[in-house]
Amino acid sequence: MALFITELSKWTVPLLLLIIPLVGYLRGVKVYEAFVEGAEQGFTTAIKIIPFLVGMLVAISVFRASGAMDIVLAAFLPLMKLIGAPTEVLPLAIMRPLSGGAALGLTAELIQVYGPDSLIGRLASTIQGSTDTTFFVLTVYFGSVGIRRYRHALTVGLLGDLTGFLASIYIVMLVFG
């Protein structure tokens, strides 16, 4: 069974890259023209989101450089100790909604320091996979399509991140703690 899954995973992407254009061609779609049109729209969108991306990156830099992240960390440390979770993952939990790249860097650092099979490594990996870059999504994606009022989306996104973080702690502590 493991050999079958390994072989299937090797061939999945190449088969999709063959089957999708083939089905489009058989249905009468001008595949190359559709691809070029989609690439053009993607390029236009990429150019359109640059100001939002720069603004978000500046805001994250200011957040970290001003010491605000340290203040937030200090405020949540007692809660982490109360629920019995490793406090080492708290910077990851705070950074994840802000920046996927920074969160990935923190995850990699935690895994390098504590090991991938440690409780902290497993918890960091689970948090990374169970939460999202909420502010990035709101800033870049909503900004690129012109959505200006996203107050409720922010609330729901952050609640989803909190839920993913707490569920990660609960499940990892239950299974590996």
Protein backbone atom coordinates (compact mmCIF):
# COMPACT_ATOMS: atom_id res chain seq x y z
CA MET A 1 0.00 0.00 0.00
CA ALA A 2 2.83 2.42 0.86
CA LEU A 3 4.47 1.72 -2.51
CA PHE A 4 1.18 2.45 -4.29
CA ILE A 5 0.77 5.79 -2.47
CA THR A 6 4.38 6.72 -3.23
CA GLU A 7 3.97 6.00 -6.93
CA LEU A 8 0.59 7.74 -7.05
CA SER A 9 2.04 10.86 -5.45
CA LYS A 10 4.88 10.92 -8.00
CA TRP A 11 2.47 10.83 -10.94
CA THR A 12 -0.42 12.98 -9.69
CA VAL A 13 0.87 16.40 -10.78
CA PRO A 14 2.24 15.29 -14.17
CA LEU A 15 -1.04 13.51 -14.92
CA LEU A 16 -3.05 16.59 -13.98
CA LEU A 17 -0.82 18.74 -16.19
CA LEU A 18 -1.61 16.39 -19.05
CA ILE A 19 -5.30 15.67 -18.37
CA ILE A 20 -6.56 19.22 -17.74
CA PRO A 21 -5.38 20.71 -21.06
CA LEU A 22 -6.44 17.54 -22.88
CA VAL A 23 -9.99 17.72 -21.51
CA GLY A 24 -10.12 21.44 -22.34
CA TYR A 25 -8.98 20.75 -25.90
CA LEU A 26 -11.53 17.95 -26.32
CA ARG A 27 -14.26 20.34 -25.14
CA GLY A 28 -13.27 22.91 -27.72
CA VAL A 29 -11.46 25.32 -25.41
CA LYS A 30 -8.57 27.20 -26.96
CA VAL A 31 -6.20 26.02 -24.24
CA TYR A 32 -3.16 28.15 -25.05
CA GLU A 33 -5.21 31.32 -25.46
CA ALA A 34 -7.03 30.65 -22.18
CA PHE A 35 -3.67 30.11 -20.46
CA VAL A 36 -2.23 33.35 -21.83
CA GLU A 37 -5.36 35.30 -20.84
CA GLY A 38 -5.19 33.87 -17.30
CA ALA A 39 -1.49 34.67 -17.05
CA GLU A 40 -2.19 38.25 -18.13
CA GLN A 41 -4.90 38.62 -15.50
CA GLY A 42 -2.55 37.14 -12.89
CA PHE A 43 0.18 39.61 -13.82
CA THR A 44 -2.27 42.52 -13.60
CA THR A 45 -3.41 41.34 -10.17
CA ALA A 46 0.20 40.96 -9.00
CA ILE A 47 0.96 44.57 -10.00
CA LYS A 48 -2.24 45.74 -8.34
CA ILE A 49 -1.42 44.17 -4.95
CA ILE A 50 2.12 45.56 -4.61
CA PRO A 51 1.07 48.72 -2.66
CA PHE A 52 -1.01 46.63 -0.25
CA LEU A 53 1.86 44.18 0.23
CA VAL A 54 4.38 46.95 0.90
CA GLY A 55 2.02 48.58 3.41
CA MET A 56 1.51 45.32 5.25
CA LEU A 57 5.25 44.57 5.39
CA VAL A 58 5.99 48.05 6.75
CA ALA A 59 3.28 47.63 9.41
CA ILE A 60 4.72 44.28 10.50
CA SER A 61 8.22 45.76 10.71
CA VAL A 62 6.95 48.63 12.84
CA PHE A 63 5.03 46.19 15.06
CA ARG A 64 8.17 44.17 15.74
CA ALA A 65 10.66 47.06 15.93
CA SER A 66 8.50 49.17 18.25
CA GLY A 67 8.46 46.48 20.92
CA ALA A 68 4.71 45.95 20.59
CA MET A 69 5.26 42.25 19.91
CA ASP A 70 7.18 41.92 23.19
CA ILE A 71 4.31 43.60 25.04
CA VAL A 72 1.77 41.24 23.49
CA LEU A 73 4.00 38.24 24.31
CA ALA A 74 4.31 39.34 27.94
CA ALA A 75 0.54 39.73 28.21
CA PHE A 76 -0.16 36.20 26.96
CA LEU A 77 2.60 34.31 28.81
CA PRO A 78 0.54 33.78 32.00
CA LEU A 79 -2.34 32.36 29.94
CA MET A 80 0.00 29.92 28.20
CA LYS A 81 1.37 28.78 31.55
CA LEU A 82 -2.18 28.43 32.90
CA ILE A 83 -3.27 26.08 30.12
CA GLY A 84 0.01 24.16 30.35
CA ALA A 85 1.18 24.89 26.82
CA PRO A 86 4.82 25.46 25.92
CA THR A 87 5.44 29.20 25.88
CA GLU A 88 8.03 28.81 23.13
CA VAL A 89 5.26 28.65 20.48
CA LEU A 90 3.63 31.92 21.54
CA PRO A 91 5.67 34.13 19.15
CA LEU A 92 4.56 31.81 16.33
CA ALA A 93 0.91 32.13 17.34
CA ILE A 94 1.16 35.92 17.33
CA MET A 95 3.14 36.19 14.09
CA ARG A 96 1.14 33.64 12.06
CA PRO A 97 -1.88 35.92 11.36
CA LEU A 98 0.50 38.70 10.33
CA SER A 99 3.09 37.08 8.08
CA GLY A 100 3.39 33.60 6.63
CA GLY A 101 7.10 34.05 5.90
CA ALA A 102 7.92 35.19 9.42
CA ALA A 103 5.79 32.40 10.90
CA LEU A 104 7.53 29.83 8.72
CA GLY A 105 10.89 31.17 9.89
CA LEU A 106 9.81 30.87 13.53
CA THR A 107 8.54 27.34 12.91
CA ALA A 108 11.80 26.34 11.26
CA GLU A 109 13.75 27.81 14.16
CA LEU A 110 11.65 25.94 16.73
CA ILE A 111 12.09 22.69 14.82
CA GLN A 112 15.84 23.27 14.50
CA VAL A 113 16.25 24.04 18.21
CA TYR A 114 13.88 21.43 19.68
CA GLY A 115 13.68 18.85 16.89
CA PRO A 116 10.81 17.84 14.61
CA ASP A 117 9.66 15.01 16.88
CA SER A 118 9.64 17.09 20.06
CA LEU A 119 6.41 18.35 21.59
CA ILE A 120 7.33 21.91 20.61
CA GLY A 121 8.26 20.88 17.05
CA ARG A 122 5.00 19.01 16.59
CA LEU A 123 3.00 21.83 18.13
CA ALA A 124 4.69 24.44 15.94
CA SER A 125 4.03 22.35 12.83
CA THR A 126 0.39 21.85 13.79
CA ILE A 127 -0.10 25.55 14.49
CA GLN A 128 1.51 26.38 11.14
CA GLY A 129 -0.96 24.10 9.37
CA SER A 130 -4.04 24.99 11.42
CA THR A 131 -3.94 28.78 11.21
CA ASP A 132 -3.79 31.29 8.40
CA THR A 133 -2.21 34.61 7.53
CA THR A 134 -5.38 36.57 8.22
CA PHE A 135 -3.94 40.08 7.84
CA PHE A 136 -2.14 39.07 4.65
CA VAL A 137 -5.39 37.73 3.19
CA LEU A 138 -7.31 40.84 4.16
CA THR A 139 -4.64 43.28 3.04
CA VAL A 140 -3.53 41.73 -0.20
CA TYR A 141 -6.45 39.71 -1.50
CA PHE A 142 -9.28 41.92 -0.31
CA GLY A 143 -7.33 45.02 -1.36
CA SER A 144 -6.66 43.66 -4.83
CA VAL A 145 -10.35 43.21 -5.57
CA GLY A 146 -11.43 46.48 -3.96
CA ILE A 147 -13.12 45.26 -0.77
CA ARG A 148 -12.85 48.12 1.72
CA ARG A 149 -15.16 47.10 4.56
CA TYR A 150 -13.84 43.88 6.02
CA ARG A 151 -14.42 44.34 9.73
CA HIS A 152 -16.41 41.12 10.11
CA ALA A 153 -13.94 39.18 7.97
CA LEU A 154 -11.16 40.31 10.32
CA THR A 155 -13.10 39.17 13.38
CA VAL A 156 -13.96 35.80 11.87
CA GLY A 157 -10.42 35.31 10.55
CA LEU A 158 -8.83 36.03 13.93
CA LEU A 159 -11.36 33.81 15.70
CA GLY A 160 -10.49 31.07 13.23
CA ASP A 161 -6.80 31.57 14.00
CA LEU A 162 -7.47 31.46 17.74
CA THR A 163 -9.54 28.32 17.32
CA GLY A 164 -6.81 26.69 15.23
CA PHE A 165 -4.18 27.65 17.80
CA LEU A 166 -6.17 26.33 20.77
CA ALA A 167 -7.19 23.17 18.91
CA SER A 168 -3.53 22.60 17.99
CA ILE A 169 -2.51 22.86 21.62
CA TYR A 170 -5.33 20.57 22.76
CA ILE A 171 -4.76 17.88 20.14
CA VAL A 172 -0.96 17.87 20.28
CA MET A 173 -0.99 17.81 24.09
CA LEU A 174 -3.60 15.03 24.03
CA VAL A 175 -1.76 12.88 21.50
CA PHE A 176 1.89 13.64 22.29
CA GLY A 177 1.87 15.36 25.70
